[in-house]
């Protein structure tokens, strides 16, 4: 890739629908295609299922904390604000009439990509991802490497929710229309945080698309003019610029909301929480925040006010970081997330919150209990279902496969497709559904008729 090459906003913003490229909808719509992308996800079953998928803490107890659904809605709200700020900046610096007509779509594209960013995550939070990956890397799935091929095995042994979201949105599942959700090219590209294949996943295990959707991503990237960084051996692209905004919205929300939830669950005291959150402010801004806090007596409302103030601050900071580094982003040479490029005071406060979260929040006993239980449940379901698709004529296999919805092609002609259908099915489960199926398969519960 030539570092002087630069992506073009006019080309990056495309309303062409994936899978419906030849379909011309000549109806008059008051909503743009990008707005319809957003609505399409809001009313979808996979998005609705996020309400019963773990974000961090067990769901739900006497205190209602964030789940994947509420998290995604908040990320979408923040993403829309970031998109609006960036669109306004581009508008001020262009006279291109065609681009000016496209710019109002940016907030909708970012908001929709934010809604979708966790749709590929399996039950039980990140422990579900790790359970699927470890099943193939060190469990019984290791035996399948020679059967499904090295590339798919590499995908599954690094199982990644982001790559699975791209598959969920583009794959032609049984009974579904071509193109999956048939989202616009720009929305799809804005979801892929790690636009390269699993062979480049590294120690963090991050990548953007399975080998089964590699051609889909190439098609999207080519259409939008996303710069190709591949070396001929591995598939690798630059990020679509709006990915930086989706990532920033996620970074802002999960960090601050996890701290607010920790306060509600009494993992952190009010004073501890205030100390971490007040550190984001300085000078007159700090005095203003303290003055407002003195007017609020309810402790939870105090923390809620601080949270909202920090979100506003970080939206402004990340917007400025994007604008300052826009040229690097468009040339595909920006290697840092926006949250790492904000000004010193909020950046150091964010880093302190991250360190505290890993020490006190993510190692909290309730969180670890969910991870341990989730690992056991997902691993057992994988064992049973993989065995069933490998030996579909067994009596037990027939019974088990009869429970699987028809959209998952468990009886595909080739074994790799069957194995991937198993991971599709399990990753789409809610926490409660996975637990219920686990209990039934182990004879721990029976249906009441």
Protein backbone atom coordinates (compact mmCIF):
# COMPACT_ATOMS: atom_id res chain seq x y z
CA UNK A 1 0.00 0.00 0.00
CA UNK A 2 1.26 3.46 -0.91
CA UNK A 3 1.08 5.77 2.14
CA UNK A 4 0.20 8.65 -0.18
CA UNK A 5 -3.02 6.91 -1.22
CA UNK A 6 -6.07 8.32 0.45
CA UNK A 7 -9.64 7.12 0.86
CA UNK A 8 -12.36 9.39 -0.47
CA UNK A 9 -15.39 10.35 1.64
CA UNK A 10 -17.64 10.49 -1.41
CA UNK A 11 -16.88 6.87 -2.22
CA UNK A 12 -16.83 5.72 1.42
CA UNK A 13 -20.46 6.78 1.86
CA UNK A 14 -22.50 4.37 -0.25
CA UNK A 15 -26.17 3.47 0.13
CA UNK A 16 -25.85 0.39 -2.09
CA UNK A 17 -27.37 -2.64 -0.34
CA UNK A 18 -25.38 -5.84 0.07
CA UNK A 19 -27.05 -8.70 -1.78
CA UNK A 20 -29.54 -6.39 -3.47
CA UNK A 21 -27.13 -4.62 -5.80
CA UNK A 22 -29.33 -5.24 -8.82
CA UNK A 23 -32.57 -4.33 -7.05
CA UNK A 24 -33.76 -0.81 -7.73
CA UNK A 25 -36.28 0.38 -5.15
CA UNK A 26 -38.05 3.22 -6.92
CA UNK A 27 -40.54 3.80 -4.10
CA UNK A 28 -40.48 7.16 -2.37
CA UNK A 29 -39.21 6.86 1.19
CA UNK A 30 -39.14 9.57 3.81
CA UNK A 31 -36.36 7.62 5.54
CA UNK A 32 -32.95 7.25 3.94
CA UNK A 33 -31.45 3.79 3.39
CA UNK A 34 -29.13 4.42 6.32
CA UNK A 35 -32.10 5.22 8.58
CA UNK A 36 -33.81 2.05 7.36
CA UNK A 37 -30.66 0.08 8.24
CA UNK A 38 -31.04 1.33 11.81
CA UNK A 39 -34.73 0.45 12.01
CA UNK A 40 -34.10 -2.95 10.43
CA UNK A 41 -31.73 -3.88 13.26
CA UNK A 42 -33.89 -2.44 16.05
CA UNK A 43 -36.78 -4.69 15.07
CA UNK A 44 -34.70 -7.82 14.43
CA UNK A 45 -34.72 -10.94 16.58
CA UNK A 46 -30.90 -11.13 16.95
CA UNK A 47 -30.85 -7.58 18.30
CA UNK A 48 -33.76 -8.29 20.64
CA UNK A 49 -31.94 -11.32 22.04
CA UNK A 50 -29.19 -9.04 23.34
CA UNK A 51 -31.47 -8.18 26.27
CA UNK A 52 -30.61 -11.58 27.73
CA UNK A 53 -26.90 -11.67 27.02
CA UNK A 54 -24.36 -10.80 29.69
CA UNK A 55 -22.46 -7.55 29.37
CA UNK A 56 -20.25 -7.90 32.49
CA UNK A 57 -22.37 -8.63 35.55
CA UNK A 58 -24.84 -11.50 36.17
CA UNK A 59 -28.37 -10.87 34.82
CA UNK A 60 -30.56 -9.65 36.40
CA UNK A 61 -30.49 -9.49 40.19
CA UNK A 62 -32.21 -7.11 42.55
CA UNK A 63 -30.17 -4.35 40.91
CA UNK A 64 -30.62 -3.95 37.16
CA UNK A 65 -27.26 -3.50 35.47
CA UNK A 66 -26.35 -3.23 31.81
CA UNK A 67 -26.92 -6.12 29.44
CA UNK A 68 -25.82 -6.30 25.81
CA UNK A 69 -29.02 -4.61 24.65
CA UNK A 70 -28.87 -1.55 26.90
CA UNK A 71 -25.14 -1.27 26.25
CA UNK A 72 -25.66 -1.34 22.47
CA UNK A 73 -28.41 1.30 22.64
CA UNK A 74 -26.18 3.61 24.69
CA UNK A 75 -23.22 3.05 22.36
CA UNK A 76 -25.49 3.88 19.43
CA UNK A 77 -26.59 7.12 21.07
CA UNK A 78 -22.99 8.16 21.68
CA UNK A 79 -22.00 7.05 18.18
CA UNK A 80 -24.69 9.25 16.63
CA UNK A 81 -23.28 12.29 18.46
CA UNK A 82 -19.75 11.49 17.28
CA UNK A 83 -21.02 11.04 13.72
CA UNK A 84 -22.83 14.38 13.83
CA UNK A 85 -19.70 16.18 14.97
CA UNK A 86 -17.56 14.64 12.24
CA UNK A 87 -20.19 15.27 9.54
CA UNK A 88 -20.34 18.93 10.56
CA UNK A 89 -16.57 19.21 10.31
CA UNK A 90 -16.48 17.66 6.82
CA UNK A 91 -19.36 19.90 5.71
CA UNK A 92 -17.40 22.99 6.71
CA UNK A 93 -14.44 21.89 4.62
CA UNK A 94 -15.99 20.80 1.32
CA UNK A 95 -17.83 22.36 -1.58
CA UNK A 96 -18.52 19.02 -3.28
CA UNK A 97 -22.29 19.04 -3.74
CA UNK A 98 -22.59 15.26 -4.08
CA UNK A 99 -20.63 14.74 -0.84
CA UNK A 100 -22.71 17.41 0.91
CA UNK A 101 -25.84 15.40 0.07
CA UNK A 102 -24.30 12.27 1.58
CA UNK A 103 -22.95 13.74 4.83
CA UNK A 104 -26.27 13.66 6.78
CA UNK A 105 -26.03 9.87 6.54
CA UNK A 106 -22.90 9.66 8.70
CA UNK A 107 -24.68 9.85 12.10
CA UNK A 108 -27.11 7.13 11.00
CA UNK A 109 -24.33 4.88 9.68
CA UNK A 110 -22.37 5.15 12.92
CA UNK A 111 -25.47 4.71 15.10
CA UNK A 112 -26.46 1.57 13.18
CA UNK A 113 -22.97 0.07 13.26
CA UNK A 114 -22.96 0.68 17.02
CA UNK A 115 -26.25 -1.21 17.35
CA UNK A 116 -24.71 -4.14 15.49
CA UNK A 117 -21.25 -4.19 17.07
CA UNK A 118 -22.15 -6.86 19.68
CA UNK A 119 -24.77 -8.82 17.72
CA UNK A 120 -22.29 -11.59 16.99
CA UNK A 121 -21.32 -12.11 20.62
CA UNK A 122 -22.24 -15.50 22.13
CA UNK A 123 -23.94 -15.93 25.52
CA UNK A 124 -22.07 -15.24 28.79
CA UNK A 125 -20.04 -12.27 27.62
CA UNK A 126 -16.44 -12.62 26.55
CA UNK A 127 -16.21 -15.96 28.36
CA UNK A 128 -18.51 -17.36 25.67
CA UNK A 129 -16.06 -16.23 22.99
CA UNK A 130 -13.17 -17.80 24.88
CA UNK A 131 -15.11 -21.03 25.41
CA UNK A 132 -15.75 -21.46 21.68
CA UNK A 133 -12.17 -20.59 20.81
CA UNK A 134 -10.65 -22.92 23.41
CA UNK A 135 -12.91 -25.79 22.33
CA UNK A 136 -11.20 -25.71 18.94
CA UNK A 137 -7.71 -24.70 20.09
CA UNK A 138 -7.28 -27.10 23.02
CA UNK A 139 -10.50 -29.11 23.44
CA UNK A 140 -12.21 -31.80 21.40
CA UNK A 141 -12.49 -29.44 18.45
CA UNK A 142 -8.74 -29.72 17.97
CA UNK A 143 -9.39 -33.10 16.37
CA UNK A 144 -11.37 -31.36 13.60
CA UNK A 145 -8.45 -29.35 12.24
CA UNK A 146 -7.64 -31.88 9.54
CA UNK A 147 -11.31 -32.20 8.59
CA UNK A 148 -12.41 -28.56 8.34
CA UNK A 149 -9.10 -27.17 7.06
CA UNK A 150 -6.51 -24.89 8.64
CA UNK A 151 -8.18 -21.58 7.71
CA UNK A 152 -11.60 -22.33 9.18
CA UNK A 153 -9.99 -23.99 12.18
CA UNK A 154 -7.93 -20.82 12.69
CA UNK A 155 -11.16 -18.77 12.53
CA UNK A 156 -12.94 -20.91 15.10
CA UNK A 157 -9.96 -21.32 17.43
CA UNK A 158 -9.81 -17.49 17.58
CA UNK A 159 -13.61 -17.11 17.63
CA UNK A 160 -14.38 -13.39 17.60
CA UNK A 161 -17.72 -11.68 18.11
CA UNK A 162 -16.89 -8.91 15.64
CA UNK A 163 -16.23 -11.38 12.81
CA UNK A 164 -19.36 -13.28 13.79
CA UNK A 165 -21.43 -10.09 13.60
CA UNK A 166 -20.30 -9.56 10.00
CA UNK A 167 -21.31 -13.17 9.23
CA UNK A 168 -24.67 -12.78 10.98
CA UNK A 169 -25.46 -9.69 8.91
CA UNK A 170 -24.29 -10.97 5.51
CA UNK A 171 -24.63 -14.79 5.48
CA UNK A 172 -27.45 -16.40 3.50
CA UNK A 173 -29.00 -18.55 6.26
CA UNK A 174 -31.64 -21.13 5.32
CA UNK A 175 -34.95 -19.47 4.56
CA UNK A 176 -33.47 -15.97 4.59
CA UNK A 177 -33.01 -13.67 1.65
CA UNK A 178 -29.76 -13.23 -0.20
CA UNK A 179 -27.44 -10.75 1.48
CA UNK A 180 -28.57 -11.54 5.02
CA UNK A 181 -29.88 -8.29 6.48
CA UNK A 182 -29.14 -6.54 3.15
CA UNK A 183 -27.57 -3.57 4.91
CA UNK A 184 -25.81 -0.78 3.05
CA UNK A 185 -22.15 -1.24 2.20
CA UNK A 186 -21.08 1.68 4.40
CA UNK A 187 -22.90 0.34 7.45
CA UNK A 188 -21.35 -3.11 7.02
CA UNK A 189 -17.83 -1.70 6.62
CA UNK A 190 -18.24 0.47 9.72
CA UNK A 191 -18.80 -2.64 11.86
CA UNK A 192 -15.49 -4.33 11.05
CA UNK A 193 -12.95 -3.18 13.65
CA UNK A 194 -10.23 -5.61 12.58
CA UNK A 195 -10.34 -5.80 8.75
CA UNK A 196 -8.05 -8.79 8.30
CA UNK A 197 -8.21 -12.58 8.41
CA UNK A 198 -7.70 -14.72 11.51
CA UNK A 199 -4.14 -15.72 10.55
CA UNK A 200 -3.21 -12.15 11.55
CA UNK A 201 -5.21 -12.23 14.81
CA UNK A 202 -2.08 -12.27 16.97
CA UNK A 203 -2.08 -12.74 20.74
CA UNK A 204 -5.25 -10.67 21.19
CA UNK A 205 -7.18 -13.04 18.90
CA UNK A 206 -8.88 -10.21 17.02
CA UNK A 207 -9.92 -10.36 13.36
CA UNK A 208 -12.77 -9.10 11.21
CA UNK A 209 -14.29 -11.84 9.07
CA UNK A 210 -14.37 -15.62 8.76
CA UNK A 211 -12.98 -17.26 5.64
CA UNK A 212 -16.61 -17.97 4.70
CA UNK A 213 -17.28 -14.20 4.47
CA UNK A 214 -13.89 -13.13 3.14
CA UNK A 215 -15.21 -12.49 -0.37
CA UNK A 216 -18.14 -10.56 1.09
CA UNK A 217 -15.78 -8.18 2.86
CA UNK A 218 -13.54 -7.84 -0.20
CA UNK A 219 -16.60 -6.88 -2.25
CA UNK A 220 -17.62 -4.22 0.28
CA UNK A 221 -14.09 -2.86 0.63
CA UNK A 222 -13.55 -2.67 -3.13
CA UNK A 223 -16.83 -0.84 -3.68
CA UNK A 224 -16.01 1.75 -1.00
CA UNK A 225 -12.37 2.22 -1.97
CA UNK A 226 -11.02 0.99 1.35
CA UNK A 227 -7.25 0.71 1.04
CA UNK A 228 -5.85 -2.80 0.64
CA UNK A 229 -2.91 -3.56 2.97
CA UNK A 230 -2.61 -7.23 2.02
CA UNK A 231 0.76 -8.67 1.05
CA UNK A 232 -0.57 -11.30 -1.34
CA UNK A 233 -0.38 -13.98 1.34
CA UNK A 234 -2.88 -12.65 3.86
CA UNK A 235 -6.05 -10.59 3.47
CA UNK A 236 -5.76 -7.24 5.22
CA UNK A 237 -7.39 -3.85 4.70
CA UNK A 238 -7.36 -0.45 6.34
CA UNK A 239 -10.32 0.42 8.51
CA UNK A 240 -13.27 2.32 7.13
CA UNK A 241 -12.84 5.73 8.86
CA UNK A 242 -16.20 5.51 10.63
CA UNK A 243 -14.97 2.39 12.47
CA UNK A 244 -12.90 4.75 14.65
CA UNK A 245 -16.12 6.45 15.79
CA UNK A 246 -17.89 3.15 16.49
CA UNK A 247 -14.88 1.99 18.51
CA UNK A 248 -14.74 5.27 20.43
CA UNK A 249 -18.44 5.08 21.30
CA UNK A 250 -17.93 1.56 22.64
CA UNK A 251 -14.81 2.58 24.60
CA UNK A 252 -16.63 5.51 26.17
CA UNK A 253 -19.69 3.51 27.18
CA UNK A 254 -18.36 0.22 28.49
CA UNK A 255 -15.76 1.86 30.69
CA UNK A 256 -17.95 4.49 32.31
CA UNK A 257 -21.10 2.36 32.56
CA UNK A 258 -19.21 -0.54 34.13
CA UNK A 259 -18.08 1.82 36.87
CA UNK A 260 -21.64 3.08 37.39
CA UNK A 261 -22.89 -0.53 37.62
CA UNK A 262 -20.10 -1.36 40.07
CA UNK A 263 -21.28 1.47 42.30
CA UNK A 264 -24.86 0.20 42.22
CA UNK A 265 -23.66 -3.29 43.12
CA UNK A 266 -21.52 -1.82 45.95
CA UNK A 267 -18.29 -3.17 44.48
CA UNK A 268 -17.07 0.42 44.64
CA UNK A 269 -18.02 2.88 47.35
CA UNK A 270 -19.52 6.25 46.49
CA UNK A 271 -16.31 8.05 47.47
CA UNK A 272 -14.17 5.70 45.38
CA UNK A 273 -16.45 6.15 42.39
CA UNK A 274 -16.47 9.93 42.72
CA UNK A 275 -12.69 9.99 42.96
CA UNK A 276 -12.26 8.10 39.70
CA UNK A 277 -14.91 10.09 37.84
CA UNK A 278 -13.97 13.57 39.05
CA UNK A 279 -10.43 12.98 37.77
CA UNK A 280 -11.74 13.54 34.21
CA UNK A 281 -12.20 17.24 34.90
CA UNK A 282 -9.90 20.14 35.68
CA UNK A 283 -10.04 23.89 36.26
CA UNK A 284 -13.37 25.63 35.82
CA UNK A 285 -14.96 22.45 34.48
CA UNK A 286 -14.14 20.61 37.70
CA UNK A 287 -15.53 23.44 39.83
CA UNK A 288 -18.74 23.48 37.78
CA UNK A 289 -19.23 19.73 38.20
CA UNK A 290 -18.59 19.90 41.94
CA UNK A 291 -21.09 22.74 42.26
CA UNK A 292 -23.82 20.70 40.55
CA UNK A 293 -22.98 17.67 42.68
CA UNK A 294 -23.52 19.73 45.85
CA UNK A 295 -27.13 20.30 44.72
CA UNK A 296 -27.86 16.55 44.42
CA UNK A 297 -28.37 14.45 47.56
CA UNK A 298 -29.11 11.02 46.10
CA UNK A 299 -25.81 9.12 45.71
CA UNK A 300 -26.88 7.18 42.63
CA UNK A 301 -28.02 10.40 40.98
CA UNK A 302 -24.67 11.99 41.78
CA UNK A 303 -22.89 9.18 39.98
CA UNK A 304 -25.38 9.34 37.09
CA UNK A 305 -24.67 13.07 36.71
CA UNK A 306 -20.92 12.45 36.68
CA UNK A 307 -21.36 9.67 34.12
CA UNK A 308 -23.40 11.89 31.79
CA UNK A 309 -20.90 14.74 32.12
CA UNK A 310 -17.98 12.43 31.30
CA UNK A 311 -19.76 10.97 28.28
CA UNK A 312 -20.30 14.49 26.95
CA UNK A 313 -16.67 15.39 27.61
CA UNK A 314 -15.34 12.26 25.89
CA UNK A 315 -17.62 12.72 22.87
CA UNK A 316 -16.09 16.17 22.36
CA UNK A 317 -12.57 14.88 22.96
CA UNK A 318 -12.87 11.91 20.57
CA UNK A 319 -14.49 14.10 17.92
CA UNK A 320 -11.55 16.50 18.13
CA UNK A 321 -9.10 13.59 17.97
CA UNK A 322 -10.76 12.27 14.81
CA UNK A 323 -10.71 15.69 13.16
CA UNK A 324 -7.06 16.25 14.14
CA UNK A 325 -6.03 12.90 12.68
CA UNK A 326 -8.47 12.74 9.76
CA UNK A 327 -5.72 12.77 7.15
CA UNK A 328 -3.90 9.83 8.81
CA UNK A 329 -7.18 7.94 9.10
CA UNK A 330 -8.03 8.46 5.42
CA UNK A 331 -4.52 7.33 4.44
CA UNK A 332 -4.87 4.20 6.58
CA UNK A 333 -1.83 4.92 8.75
CA UNK A 334 -3.55 5.78 12.04
CA UNK A 335 -2.78 2.93 14.46
CA UNK A 336 -4.33 4.21 17.71
CA UNK A 337 -7.95 4.29 18.88
CA UNK A 338 -9.35 7.78 19.35
CA UNK A 339 -9.59 7.33 23.13
CA UNK A 340 -5.79 7.12 23.24
CA UNK A 341 -5.43 10.45 21.43
CA UNK A 342 -7.54 12.68 23.66
CA UNK A 343 -6.05 15.40 25.88
CA UNK A 344 -3.95 14.51 28.90
CA UNK A 345 -6.32 14.94 31.86
CA UNK A 346 -9.23 12.81 30.59
CA UNK A 347 -6.81 10.32 29.01
CA UNK A 348 -5.03 9.68 32.31
CA UNK A 349 -8.38 9.44 34.12
CA UNK A 350 -9.60 6.90 31.55
CA UNK A 351 -6.41 4.87 31.93
CA UNK A 352 -6.81 4.87 35.72
CA UNK A 353 -10.38 3.64 35.35
CA UNK A 354 -9.21 0.85 33.02
CA UNK A 355 -6.57 -0.33 35.48
CA UNK A 356 -9.06 -0.28 38.35
CA UNK A 357 -11.69 -2.12 36.29
CA UNK A 358 -9.39 -5.05 35.54
CA UNK A 359 -8.31 -5.21 39.17
CA UNK A 360 -11.63 -4.81 40.97
CA UNK A 361 -14.52 -5.19 38.52
CA UNK A 362 -13.62 -7.90 36.01
CA UNK A 363 -12.20 -10.09 38.79
CA UNK A 364 -15.29 -9.64 40.96
CA UNK A 365 -16.55 -13.03 42.17
CA UNK A 366 -19.93 -12.73 40.45
CA UNK A 367 -18.25 -11.95 37.14
CA UNK A 368 -15.89 -14.90 37.50
CA UNK A 369 -18.80 -17.19 38.40
CA UNK A 370 -20.55 -16.28 35.14
CA UNK A 371 -17.34 -16.91 33.18
CA UNK A 372 -16.80 -20.32 34.79
CA UNK A 373 -20.40 -21.43 34.33
CA UNK A 374 -20.57 -20.03 30.80
CA UNK A 375 -17.42 -21.85 29.80
CA UNK A 376 -18.80 -25.16 31.04
CA UNK A 377 -22.19 -24.68 29.36
CA UNK A 378 -20.84 -23.58 25.97
CA UNK A 379 -18.21 -26.32 25.93
CA UNK A 380 -20.76 -29.05 26.62
CA UNK A 381 -23.20 -27.74 23.99
CA UNK A 382 -20.39 -27.67 21.45
CA UNK A 383 -19.40 -31.25 22.25
CA UNK A 384 -22.95 -32.58 21.88
CA UNK A 385 -23.84 -30.65 18.74
CA UNK A 386 -20.54 -31.25 16.96
CA UNK A 387 -20.87 -34.97 17.61
CA UNK A 388 -24.47 -34.83 16.30
CA UNK A 389 -23.54 -33.16 12.99
CA UNK A 390 -20.61 -35.54 12.51
CA UNK A 391 -22.87 -38.57 13.14
CA UNK A 392 -26.35 -37.36 12.12
CA UNK A 393 -27.79 -40.85 11.72
CA UNK A 394 -27.39 -41.80 15.38
CA UNK A 395 -30.67 -41.95 17.31
CA UNK A 396 -29.54 -39.32 19.83
CA UNK A 397 -28.24 -37.07 17.04
CA UNK A 398 -31.60 -37.14 15.28
CA UNK A 399 -33.38 -36.09 18.48
CA UNK A 400 -30.92 -33.29 19.20
CA UNK A 401 -30.81 -31.92 15.65
CA UNK A 402 -34.61 -31.87 15.53
CA UNK A 403 -34.49 -29.13 18.19
CA UNK A 404 -32.32 -26.84 16.07
CA UNK A 405 -34.12 -24.11 14.07
CA UNK A 406 -34.15 -24.76 10.32
CA UNK A 407 -32.15 -21.63 9.50
CA UNK A 408 -29.00 -23.41 10.72
CA UNK A 409 -27.86 -25.90 8.09
CA UNK A 410 -26.84 -28.75 10.39
CA UNK A 411 -27.17 -31.26 7.56
CA UNK A 412 -25.09 -29.40 4.99
CA UNK A 413 -23.29 -31.58 2.43
CA UNK A 414 -19.83 -30.65 3.73
CA UNK A 415 -18.61 -31.00 7.31
CA UNK A 416 -17.03 -27.51 7.58
CA UNK A 417 -20.44 -25.94 6.88
CA UNK A 418 -22.06 -28.15 9.51
CA UNK A 419 -19.47 -27.18 12.12
CA UNK A 420 -19.96 -23.51 11.36
CA UNK A 421 -23.73 -23.99 11.62
CA UNK A 422 -23.15 -25.29 15.16
CA UNK A 423 -21.22 -22.13 16.13
CA UNK A 424 -23.92 -20.01 14.45
CA UNK A 425 -26.58 -21.67 16.57
CA UNK A 426 -24.70 -21.48 19.86
CA UNK A 427 -23.47 -17.91 19.37
CA UNK A 428 -27.05 -16.80 18.74
CA UNK A 429 -28.30 -18.20 22.05
CA UNK A 430 -29.20 -16.04 25.02
CA UNK A 431 -27.75 -16.88 28.43
CA UNK A 432 -31.08 -18.31 29.59
CA UNK A 433 -31.63 -20.40 26.44
CA UNK A 434 -28.12 -21.87 26.64
CA UNK A 435 -28.55 -22.70 30.32
CA UNK A 436 -31.97 -24.24 29.72
CA UNK A 437 -30.69 -26.43 26.86
CA UNK A 438 -27.67 -27.45 28.94
CA UNK A 439 -29.91 -28.53 31.83
CA UNK A 440 -32.25 -30.48 29.55
CA UNK A 441 -29.42 -32.29 27.77
CA UNK A 442 -27.97 -33.27 31.13
CA UNK A 443 -31.32 -34.46 32.48
CA UNK A 444 -31.32 -31.71 35.10
CA UNK A 445 -34.74 -30.38 34.08
CA UNK A 446 -37.73 -31.67 32.19
CA UNK A 447 -40.34 -29.69 30.25
CA UNK A 448 -43.74 -29.22 31.89
CA UNK A 449 -46.57 -29.89 29.45
